[in-house]
Amino acid sequence: MDVRGWVVVLFIVAMAVMPIVLGIIGLRALYSRRPVEQRYGSTGGLAGGAFGGLDAAFFPTAHEAGIERDRQTARTAPAPAPGDPPWGIDGDRIRIDV
């Protein structure tokens, strides 16, 4: 093959690899913008999906830690006391009662 043949082959390989590389970069950018609570929460993947039973059987401490994390995450906020400041947190927003 001459130089033109190698240039064509390299161009075809670059065009085949470019969507994969751009997809990986895009997923990393999307994943890095998510809050920490959503990154490591219950994703329904291997840890909590069809193989969750294997986690309980072979890694009981990891399974118990996941149950405890879910229990603490789902805890409700306590009722305000009479001396509390007049503001609250609604999800990602701070609400100030006037």
PDB file of N, CA and C in Angstrom:
ATOM      1  N   MET A   1       0.839  -1.182   0.000  1.00  0.00           N
ATOM      2  CA  MET A   1       0.000   0.000   0.000  1.00  0.00           C
ATOM      3  C   MET A   1       0.877   1.235   0.000  1.00  0.00           C
ATOM      4  N   ASP A   2       0.432   2.212  -0.722  1.00  0.00           N
ATOM      5  CA  ASP A   2       1.176   3.467  -0.744  1.00  0.00           C
ATOM      6  C   ASP A   2       0.660   4.398   0.351  1.00  0.00           C
ATOM      7  N   VAL A   3       1.129   5.617   0.349  1.00  0.00           N
ATOM      8  CA  VAL A   3       0.798   6.578   1.407  1.00  0.00           C
ATOM      9  C   VAL A   3      -0.687   6.907   1.390  1.00  0.00           C
ATOM     10  N   ARG A   4      -1.276   7.044   0.209  1.00  0.00           N
ATOM     11  CA  ARG A   4      -2.706   7.356   0.128  1.00  0.00           C
ATOM     12  C   ARG A   4      -3.552   6.243   0.732  1.00  0.00           C
ATOM     13  N   GLY A   5      -3.160   5.011   0.552  1.00  0.00           N
ATOM     14  CA  GLY A   5      -3.890   3.889   1.133  1.00  0.00           C
ATOM     15  C   GLY A   5      -3.869   3.927   2.660  1.00  0.00           C
ATOM     16  N   TRP A   6      -2.692   4.239   3.233  1.00  0.00           N
ATOM     17  CA  TRP A   6      -2.596   4.336   4.688  1.00  0.00           C
ATOM     18  C   TRP A   6      -3.407   5.510   5.231  1.00  0.00           C
ATOM     19  N   VAL A   7      -3.423   6.598   4.514  1.00  0.00           N
ATOM     20  CA  VAL A   7      -4.213   7.765   4.942  1.00  0.00           C
ATOM     21  C   VAL A   7      -5.692   7.407   4.953  1.00  0.00           C
ATOM     22  N   VAL A   8      -6.156   6.696   3.944  1.00  0.00           N
ATOM     23  CA  VAL A   8      -7.558   6.291   3.881  1.00  0.00           C
ATOM     24  C   VAL A   8      -7.887   5.330   5.031  1.00  0.00           C
ATOM     25  N   VAL A   9      -7.002   4.376   5.295  1.00  0.00           N
ATOM     26  CA  VAL A   9      -7.235   3.428   6.390  1.00  0.00           C
ATOM     27  C   VAL A   9      -7.276   4.153   7.729  1.00  0.00           C
ATOM     28  N   LEU A  10      -6.348   5.060   7.967  1.00  0.00           N
ATOM     29  CA  LEU A  10      -6.337   5.812   9.224  1.00  0.00           C
ATOM     30  C   LEU A  10      -7.585   6.688   9.356  1.00  0.00           C
ATOM     31  N   PHE A  11      -8.045   7.269   8.264  1.00  0.00           N
ATOM     32  CA  PHE A  11      -9.257   8.079   8.292  1.00  0.00           C
ATOM     33  C   PHE A  11     -10.465   7.227   8.654  1.00  0.00           C
ATOM     34  N   ILE A  12     -10.572   6.053   8.083  1.00  0.00           N
ATOM     35  CA  ILE A  12     -11.702   5.164   8.376  1.00  0.00           C
ATOM     36  C   ILE A  12     -11.664   4.713   9.839  1.00  0.00           C
ATOM     37  N   VAL A  13     -10.481   4.379  10.345  1.00  0.00           N
ATOM     38  CA  VAL A  13     -10.360   3.977  11.749  1.00  0.00           C
ATOM     39  C   VAL A  13     -10.719   5.134  12.670  1.00  0.00           C
ATOM     40  N   ALA A  14     -10.262   6.339  12.343  1.00  0.00           N
ATOM     41  CA  ALA A  14     -10.587   7.512  13.164  1.00  0.00           C
ATOM     42  C   ALA A  14     -12.084   7.774  13.173  1.00  0.00           C
ATOM     43  N   MET A  15     -12.741   7.621  12.040  1.00  0.00           N
ATOM     44  CA  MET A  15     -14.187   7.826  11.973  1.00  0.00           C
ATOM     45  C   MET A  15     -14.948   6.745  12.749  1.00  0.00           C
ATOM     46  N   ALA A  16     -14.407   5.558  12.849  1.00  0.00           N
ATOM     47  CA  ALA A  16     -15.061   4.484  13.592  1.00  0.00           C
ATOM     48  C   ALA A  16     -14.868   4.659  15.099  1.00  0.00           C
ATOM     49  N   VAL A  17     -13.713   5.176  15.514  1.00  0.00           N
ATOM     50  CA  VAL A  17     -13.406   5.313  16.934  1.00  0.00           C
ATOM     51  C   VAL A  17     -13.957   6.611  17.514  1.00  0.00           C
ATOM     52  N   MET A  18     -14.111   7.653  16.713  1.00  0.00           N
ATOM     53  CA  MET A  18     -14.524   8.968  17.209  1.00  0.00           C
ATOM     54  C   MET A  18     -15.872   8.947  17.940  1.00  0.00           C
ATOM     55  N   PRO A  19     -16.926   8.288  17.444  1.00  0.00           N
ATOM     56  CA  PRO A  19     -18.190   8.285  18.200  1.00  0.00           C
ATOM     57  C   PRO A  19     -18.070   7.617  19.565  1.00  0.00           C
ATOM     58  N   ILE A  20     -17.239   6.603  19.669  1.00  0.00           N
ATOM     59  CA  ILE A  20     -17.050   5.927  20.955  1.00  0.00           C
ATOM     60  C   ILE A  20     -16.363   6.865  21.945  1.00  0.00           C
ATOM     61  N   VAL A  21     -15.316   7.531  21.506  1.00  0.00           N
ATOM     62  CA  VAL A  21     -14.579   8.451  22.376  1.00  0.00           C
ATOM     63  C   VAL A  21     -15.475   9.613  22.783  1.00  0.00           C
ATOM     64  N   LEU A  22     -16.210  10.188  21.848  1.00  0.00           N
ATOM     65  CA  LEU A  22     -17.106  11.300  22.176  1.00  0.00           C
ATOM     66  C   LEU A  22     -18.223  10.848  23.114  1.00  0.00           C
ATOM     67  N   GLY A  23     -18.701   9.633  22.960  1.00  0.00           N
ATOM     68  CA  GLY A  23     -19.720   9.106  23.869  1.00  0.00           C
ATOM     69  C   GLY A  23     -19.199   8.955  25.284  1.00  0.00           C
ATOM     70  N   ILE A  24     -17.981   8.458  25.422  1.00  0.00           N
ATOM     71  CA  ILE A  24     -17.383   8.305  26.746  1.00  0.00           C
ATOM     72  C   ILE A  24     -17.161   9.666  27.388  1.00  0.00           C
ATOM     73  N   ILE A  25     -16.671  10.623  26.633  1.00  0.00           N
ATOM     74  CA  ILE A  25     -16.458  11.974  27.165  1.00  0.00           C
ATOM     75  C   ILE A  25     -17.792  12.592  27.582  1.00  0.00           C
ATOM     76  N   GLY A  26     -18.813  12.410  26.770  1.00  0.00           N
ATOM     77  CA  GLY A  26     -20.126  12.955  27.104  1.00  0.00           C
ATOM     78  C   GLY A  26     -20.720  12.328  28.356  1.00  0.00           C
ATOM     79  N   LEU A  27     -20.592  11.017  28.501  1.00  0.00           N
ATOM     80  CA  LEU A  27     -21.108  10.355  29.702  1.00  0.00           C
ATOM     81  C   LEU A  27     -20.352  10.782  30.950  1.00  0.00           C
ATOM     82  N   ARG A  28     -19.051  10.953  30.835  1.00  0.00           N
ATOM     83  CA  ARG A  28     -18.276  11.429  31.994  1.00  0.00           C
ATOM     84  C   ARG A  28     -18.693  12.827  32.387  1.00  0.00           C
ATOM     85  N   ALA A  29     -18.907  13.701  31.400  1.00  0.00           N
ATOM     86  CA  ALA A  29     -19.339  15.067  31.708  1.00  0.00           C
ATOM     87  C   ALA A  29     -20.723  15.065  32.346  1.00  0.00           C
ATOM     88  N   LEU A  30     -21.615  14.247  31.830  1.00  0.00           N
ATOM     89  CA  LEU A  30     -22.963  14.160  32.382  1.00  0.00           C
ATOM     90  C   LEU A  30     -22.932  13.596  33.792  1.00  0.00           C
ATOM     91  N   TYR A  31     -22.140  12.576  34.026  1.00  0.00           N
ATOM     92  CA  TYR A  31     -22.068  11.935  35.337  1.00  0.00           C
ATOM     93  C   TYR A  31     -21.430  12.853  36.372  1.00  0.00           C
ATOM     94  N   SER A  32     -20.442  13.641  35.975  1.00  0.00           N
ATOM     95  CA  SER A  32     -19.751  14.494  36.933  1.00  0.00           C
ATOM     96  C   SER A  32     -20.610  15.670  37.372  1.00  0.00           C
ATOM     97  N   ARG A  33     -21.658  16.018  36.639  1.00  0.00           N
ATOM     98  CA  ARG A  33     -22.521  17.135  37.020  1.00  0.00           C
ATOM     99  C   ARG A  33     -23.626  16.722  37.980  1.00  0.00           C
ATOM    100  N   ARG A  34     -23.833  15.415  38.169  1.00  0.00           N
ATOM    101  CA  ARG A  34     -24.886  14.960  39.067  1.00  0.00           C
ATOM    102  C   ARG A  34     -24.472  15.165  40.515  1.00  0.00           C
ATOM    103  N   PRO A  35     -25.394  15.488  41.406  1.00  0.00           N
ATOM    104  CA  PRO A  35     -25.049  15.611  42.826  1.00  0.00           C
ATOM    105  C   PRO A  35     -24.565  14.277  43.391  1.00  0.00           C
ATOM    106  N   VAL A  36     -23.811  14.357  44.467  1.00  0.00           N
ATOM    107  CA  VAL A  36     -23.218  13.163  45.066  1.00  0.00           C
ATOM    108  C   VAL A  36     -24.305  12.185  45.501  1.00  0.00           C
ATOM    109  N   GLU A  37     -25.431  12.700  45.996  1.00  0.00           N
ATOM    110  CA  GLU A  37     -26.494  11.822  46.464  1.00  0.00           C
ATOM    111  C   GLU A  37     -27.048  10.971  45.330  1.00  0.00           C
ATOM    112  N   GLN A  38     -27.073  11.500  44.129  1.00  0.00           N
ATOM    113  CA  GLN A  38     -27.588  10.746  42.995  1.00  0.00           C
ATOM    114  C   GLN A  38     -26.528   9.834  42.387  1.00  0.00           C
ATOM    115  N   ARG A  39     -25.271  10.182  42.529  1.00  0.00           N
ATOM    116  CA  ARG A  39     -24.208   9.351  41.952  1.00  0.00           C
ATOM    117  C   ARG A  39     -24.128   7.991  42.613  1.00  0.00           C
ATOM    118  N   TYR A  40     -24.163   7.985  43.931  1.00  0.00           N
ATOM    119  CA  TYR A  40     -23.928   6.738  44.646  1.00  0.00           C
ATOM    120  C   TYR A  40     -25.193   6.171  45.268  1.00  0.00           C
ATOM    121  N   GLY A  41     -26.333   6.640  44.859  1.00  0.00           N
ATOM    122  CA  GLY A  41     -27.581   6.127  45.388  1.00  0.00           C
ATOM    123  C   GLY A  41     -27.938   4.798  44.757  1.00  0.00           C
ATOM    124  N   SER A  42     -29.133   4.361  45.001  1.00  0.00           N
ATOM    125  CA  SER A  42     -29.604   3.101  44.436  1.00  0.00           C
ATOM    126  C   SER A  42     -29.829   3.288  42.945  1.00  0.00           C
ATOM    127  N   THR A  43     -29.063   2.590  42.130  1.00  0.00           N
ATOM    128  CA  THR A  43     -29.143   2.773  40.689  1.00  0.00           C
ATOM    129  C   THR A  43     -29.947   1.684  40.001  1.00  0.00           C
ATOM    130  N   GLY A  44     -30.213   0.605  40.691  1.00  0.00           N
ATOM    131  CA  GLY A  44     -30.918  -0.503  40.065  1.00  0.00           C
ATOM    132  C   GLY A  44     -30.023  -1.335  39.170  1.00  0.00           C
ATOM    133  N   GLY A  45     -28.739  -1.146  39.277  1.00  0.00           N
ATOM    134  CA  GLY A  45     -27.802  -1.908  38.459  1.00  0.00           C
ATOM    135  C   GLY A  45     -27.498  -3.249  39.096  1.00  0.00           C
ATOM    136  N   LEU A  46     -26.251  -3.656  39.049  1.00  0.00           N
ATOM    137  CA  LEU A  46     -25.876  -4.954  39.591  1.00  0.00           C
ATOM    138  C   LEU A  46     -26.050  -5.009  41.096  1.00  0.00           C
ATOM    139  N   ALA A  47     -25.820  -3.905  41.792  1.00  0.00           N
ATOM    140  CA  ALA A  47     -25.876  -3.930  43.253  1.00  0.00           C
ATOM    141  C   ALA A  47     -27.293  -4.116  43.761  1.00  0.00           C
ATOM    142  N   GLY A  48     -28.276  -3.536  43.108  1.00  0.00           N
ATOM    143  CA  GLY A  48     -29.622  -3.627  43.631  1.00  0.00           C
ATOM    144  C   GLY A  48     -30.590  -4.329  42.709  1.00  0.00           C
ATOM    145  N   GLY A  49     -30.151  -4.768  41.587  1.00  0.00           N
ATOM    146  CA  GLY A  49     -31.045  -5.368  40.609  1.00  0.00           C
ATOM    147  C   GLY A  49     -31.150  -6.867  40.755  1.00  0.00           C
ATOM    148  N   ALA A  50     -30.955  -7.564  39.680  1.00  0.00           N
ATOM    149  CA  ALA A  50     -31.130  -9.013  39.656  1.00  0.00           C
ATOM    150  C   ALA A  50     -30.098  -9.734  40.516  1.00  0.00           C
ATOM    151  N   PHE A  51     -28.944  -9.123  40.759  1.00  0.00           N
ATOM    152  CA  PHE A  51     -27.895  -9.783  41.525  1.00  0.00           C
ATOM    153  C   PHE A  51     -27.826  -9.297  42.962  1.00  0.00           C
ATOM    154  N   GLY A  52     -28.875  -8.620  43.446  1.00  0.00           N
ATOM    155  CA  GLY A  52     -28.896  -8.156  44.827  1.00  0.00           C
ATOM    156  C   GLY A  52     -28.875  -9.296  45.823  1.00  0.00           C
ATOM    157  N   GLY A  53     -29.485 -10.422  45.468  1.00  0.00           N
ATOM    158  CA  GLY A  53     -29.463 -11.591  46.341  1.00  0.00           C
ATOM    159  C   GLY A  53     -28.070 -12.164  46.508  1.00  0.00           C
ATOM    160  N   LEU A  54     -27.268 -12.099  45.444  1.00  0.00           N
ATOM    161  CA  LEU A  54     -25.883 -12.567  45.550  1.00  0.00           C
ATOM    162  C   LEU A  54     -25.089 -11.676  46.490  1.00  0.00           C
ATOM    163  N   ASP A  55     -25.401 -10.387  46.478  1.00  0.00           N
ATOM    164  CA  ASP A  55     -24.733  -9.468  47.387  1.00  0.00           C
ATOM    165  C   ASP A  55     -25.044  -9.842  48.826  1.00  0.00           C
ATOM    166  N   ALA A  56     -26.297 -10.199  49.108  1.00  0.00           N
ATOM    167  CA  ALA A  56     -26.676 -10.575  50.467  1.00  0.00           C
ATOM    168  C   ALA A  56     -26.034 -11.901  50.867  1.00  0.00           C
ATOM    169  N   ALA A  57     -25.848 -12.795  49.923  1.00  0.00           N
ATOM    170  CA  ALA A  57     -25.298 -14.105  50.248  1.00  0.00           C
ATOM    171  C   ALA A  57     -23.780 -14.085  50.402  1.00  0.00           C
ATOM    172  N   PHE A  58     -23.078 -13.403  49.510  1.00  0.00           N
ATOM    173  CA  PHE A  58     -21.626 -13.451  49.507  1.00  0.00           C
ATOM    174  C   PHE A  58     -20.965 -12.259  50.184  1.00  0.00           C
ATOM    175  N   PHE A  59     -21.667 -11.131  50.297  1.00  0.00           N
ATOM    176  CA  PHE A  59     -21.123  -9.931  50.929  1.00  0.00           C
ATOM    177  C   PHE A  59     -22.155  -9.374  51.904  1.00  0.00           C
ATOM    178  N   PRO A  60     -22.406 -10.070  53.016  1.00  0.00           N
ATOM    179  CA  PRO A  60     -23.477  -9.639  53.915  1.00  0.00           C
ATOM    180  C   PRO A  60     -23.218  -8.272  54.546  1.00  0.00           C
ATOM    181  N   THR A  61     -21.960  -7.927  54.818  1.00  0.00           N
ATOM    182  CA  THR A  61     -21.709  -6.624  55.423  1.00  0.00           C
ATOM    183  C   THR A  61     -22.005  -5.503  54.436  1.00  0.00           C
ATOM    184  N   ALA A  62     -21.690  -5.704  53.166  1.00  0.00           N
ATOM    185  CA  ALA A  62     -22.010  -4.698  52.155  1.00  0.00           C
ATOM    186  C   ALA A  62     -23.520  -4.571  51.985  1.00  0.00           C
ATOM    187  N   HIS A  63     -24.220  -5.695  52.047  1.00  0.00           N
ATOM    188  CA  HIS A  63     -25.672  -5.670  51.929  1.00  0.00           C
ATOM    189  C   HIS A  63     -26.296  -4.934  53.119  1.00  0.00           C
ATOM    190  N   GLU A  64     -25.812  -5.221  54.329  1.00  0.00           N
ATOM    191  CA  GLU A  64     -26.327  -4.545  55.517  1.00  0.00           C
ATOM    192  C   GLU A  64     -26.010  -3.053  55.489  1.00  0.00           C
ATOM    193  N   ALA A  65     -24.825  -2.693  54.992  1.00  0.00           N
ATOM    194  CA  ALA A  65     -24.473  -1.275  54.880  1.00  0.00           C
ATOM    195  C   ALA A  65     -25.389  -0.572  53.883  1.00  0.00           C
ATOM    196  N   GLY A  66     -25.745  -1.246  52.796  1.00  0.00           N
ATOM    197  CA  GLY A  66     -26.673  -0.661  51.825  1.00  0.00           C
ATOM    198  C   GLY A  66     -28.055  -0.469  52.404  1.00  0.00           C
ATOM    199  N   ILE A  67     -28.507  -1.429  53.200  1.00  0.00           N
ATOM    200  CA  ILE A  67     -29.812  -1.294  53.854  1.00  0.00           C
ATOM    201  C   ILE A  67     -29.793  -0.122  54.833  1.00  0.00           C
ATOM    202  N   GLU A  68     -28.719   0.006  55.605  1.00  0.00           N
ATOM    203  CA  GLU A  68     -28.606   1.103  56.561  1.00  0.00           C
ATOM    204  C   GLU A  68     -28.538   2.449  55.842  1.00  0.00           C
ATOM    205  N   ARG A  69     -27.810   2.521  54.733  1.00  0.00           N
ATOM    206  CA  ARG A  69     -27.738   3.761  53.954  1.00  0.00           C
ATOM    207  C   ARG A  69     -29.113   4.153  53.431  1.00  0.00           C
ATOM    208  N   ASP A  70     -29.856   3.164  52.912  1.00  0.00           N
ATOM    209  CA  ASP A  70     -31.201   3.452  52.419  1.00  0.00           C
ATOM    210  C   ASP A  70     -32.122   3.896  53.547  1.00  0.00           C
ATOM    211  N   ARG A  71     -31.983   3.291  54.730  1.00  0.00           N
ATOM    212  CA  ARG A  71     -32.820   3.654  55.862  1.00  0.00           C
ATOM    213  C   ARG A  71     -32.538   5.080  56.305  1.00  0.00           C
ATOM    214  N   GLN A  72     -31.263   5.463  56.365  1.00  0.00           N
ATOM    215  CA  GLN A  72     -30.916   6.813  56.798  1.00  0.00           C
ATOM    216  C   GLN A  72     -31.277   7.856  55.744  1.00  0.00           C
ATOM    217  N   THR A  73     -31.207   7.478  54.491  1.00  0.00           N
ATOM    218  CA  THR A  73     -31.557   8.416  53.424  1.00  0.00           C
ATOM    219  C   THR A  73     -33.051   8.709  53.418  1.00  0.00           C
ATOM    220  N   ALA A  74     -33.863   7.710  53.732  1.00  0.00           N
ATOM    221  CA  ALA A  74     -35.311   7.865  53.679  1.00  0.00           C
ATOM    222  C   ALA A  74     -35.885   8.452  54.962  1.00  0.00           C
ATOM    223  N   ARG A  75     -35.072   8.817  55.903  1.00  0.00           N
ATOM    224  CA  ARG A  75     -35.535   9.361  57.167  1.00  0.00           C
ATOM    225  C   ARG A  75     -36.220  10.708  56.931  1.00  0.00           C
ATOM    226  N   THR A  76     -37.323  10.947  57.635  1.00  0.00           N
ATOM    227  CA  THR A  76     -38.048  12.211  57.489  1.00  0.00           C
ATOM    228  C   THR A  76     -37.433  13.268  58.394  1.00  0.00           C
ATOM    229  N   ALA A  77     -37.657  14.516  58.024  1.00  0.00           N
ATOM    230  CA  ALA A  77     -37.125  15.632  58.805  1.00  0.00           C
ATOM    231  C   ALA A  77     -37.960  15.811  60.068  1.00  0.00           C
ATOM    232  N   PRO A  78     -37.338  16.186  61.174  1.00  0.00           N
ATOM    233  CA  PRO A  78     -38.099  16.390  62.406  1.00  0.00           C
ATOM    234  C   PRO A  78     -38.961  17.650  62.316  1.00  0.00           C
ATOM    235  N   ALA A  79     -40.005  17.691  63.124  1.00  0.00           N
ATOM    236  CA  ALA A  79     -40.871  18.867  63.173  1.00  0.00           C
ATOM    237  C   ALA A  79     -40.097  20.019  63.803  1.00  0.00           C
ATOM    238  N   PRO A  80     -40.365  21.255  63.374  1.00  0.00           N
ATOM    239  CA  PRO A  80     -39.628  22.392  63.936  1.00  0.00           C
ATOM    240  C   PRO A  80     -40.021  22.648  65.391  1.00  0.00           C
ATOM    241  N   ALA A  81     -39.039  23.021  66.168  1.00  0.00           N
ATOM    242  CA  ALA A  81     -39.268  23.380  67.562  1.00  0.00           C
ATOM    243  C   ALA A  81     -39.686  24.848  67.639  1.00  0.00           C
ATOM    244  N   PRO A  82     -40.281  25.270  68.746  1.00  0.00           N
ATOM    245  CA  PRO A  82     -40.724  26.658  68.843  1.00  0.00           C
ATOM    246  C   PRO A  82     -39.610  27.688  68.668  1.00  0.00           C
ATOM    247  N   GLY A  83     -38.369  27.380  69.012  1.00  0.00           N
ATOM    248  CA  GLY A  83     -37.287  28.349  68.892  1.00  0.00           C
ATOM    249  C   GLY A  83     -36.507  28.262  67.592  1.00  0.00           C
ATOM    250  N   ASP A  84     -36.929  27.422  66.651  1.00  0.00           N
ATOM    251  CA  ASP A  84     -36.208  27.261  65.390  1.00  0.00           C
ATOM    252  C   ASP A  84     -36.356  28.503  64.516  1.00  0.00           C
ATOM    253  N   PRO A  85     -35.361  28.787  63.665  1.00  0.00           N
ATOM    254  CA  PRO A  85     -35.471  29.938  62.756  1.00  0.00           C
ATOM    255  C   PRO A  85     -36.566  29.708  61.706  1.00  0.00           C
ATOM    256  N   PRO A  86     -37.119  30.792  61.156  1.00  0.00           N
ATOM    257  CA  PRO A  86     -38.228  30.661  60.203  1.00  0.00           C
ATOM    258  C   PRO A  86     -37.766  30.339  58.777  1.00  0.00           C
ATOM    259  N   TRP A  87     -37.096  29.227  58.588  1.00  0.00           N
ATOM    260  CA  TRP A  87     -36.700  28.806  57.249  1.00  0.00           C
ATOM    261  C   TRP A  87     -36.665  27.291  57.216  1.00  0.00           C
ATOM    262  N   GLY A  88     -36.695  26.765  56.021  1.00  0.00           N
ATOM    263  CA  GLY A  88     -36.667  25.319  55.846  1.00  0.00           C
ATOM    264  C   GLY A  88     -35.974  24.962  54.550  1.00  0.00           C
ATOM    265  N   ILE A  89     -35.704  23.700  54.376  1.00  0.00           N
ATOM    266  CA  ILE A  89     -35.047  23.226  53.164  1.00  0.00           C
ATOM    267  C   ILE A  89     -36.043  22.355  52.421  1.00  0.00           C
ATOM    268  N   ASP A  90     -36.360  22.726  51.183  1.00  0.00           N
ATOM    269  CA  ASP A  90     -37.264  21.971  50.325  1.00  0.00           C
ATOM    270  C   ASP A  90     -36.453  21.388  49.183  1.00  0.00           C
ATOM    271  N   GLY A  91     -35.983  20.171  49.333  1.00  0.00           N
ATOM    272  CA  GLY A  91     -35.171  19.546  48.280  1.00  0.00           C
ATOM    273  C   GLY A  91     -33.835  20.246  48.150  1.00  0.00           C
ATOM    274  N   ASP A  92     -33.626  20.904  47.011  1.00  0.00           N
ATOM    275  CA  ASP A  92     -32.364  21.632  46.765  1.00  0.00           C
ATOM    276  C   ASP A  92     -32.495  23.119  47.050  1.00  0.00           C
ATOM    277  N   ARG A  93     -33.652  23.563  47.568  1.00  0.00           N
ATOM    278  CA  ARG A  93     -33.891  24.987  47.792  1.00  0.00           C
ATOM    279  C   ARG A  93     -34.065  25.275  49.277  1.00  0.00           C
ATOM    280  N   ILE A  94     -33.642  26.456  49.695  1.00  0.00           N
ATOM    281  CA  ILE A  94     -33.864  26.911  51.061  1.00  0.00           C
ATOM    282  C   ILE A  94     -35.058  27.856  51.026  1.00  0.00           C
ATOM    283  N   ARG A  95     -36.057  27.560  51.853  1.00  0.00           N
ATOM    284  CA  ARG A  95     -37.286  28.360  51.892  1.00  0.00           C
ATOM    285  C   ARG A  95     -37.229  29.222  53.152  1.00  0.00           C
ATOM    286  N   ILE A  96     -37.474  30.535  52.990  1.00  0.00           N
ATOM    287  CA  ILE A  96     -37.515  31.462  54.114  1.00  0.00           C
ATOM    288  C   ILE A  96     -38.942  31.927  54.277  1.00  0.00           C
ATOM    289  N   ASP A  97     -39.521  31.653  55.453  1.00  0.00           N
ATOM    290  CA  ASP A  97     -40.883  32.089  55.742  1.00  0.00           C
ATOM    291  C   ASP A  97     -40.844  33.518  56.258  1.00  0.00           C
ATOM    292  N   VAL A  98     -41.607  34.382  55.614  1.00  0.00           N
ATOM    293  CA  VAL A  98     -41.610  35.795  56.010  1.00  0.00           C
ATOM    294  C   VAL A  98     -42.870  36.111  56.781  1.00  0.00           C
TER     295      VAL A  98
END
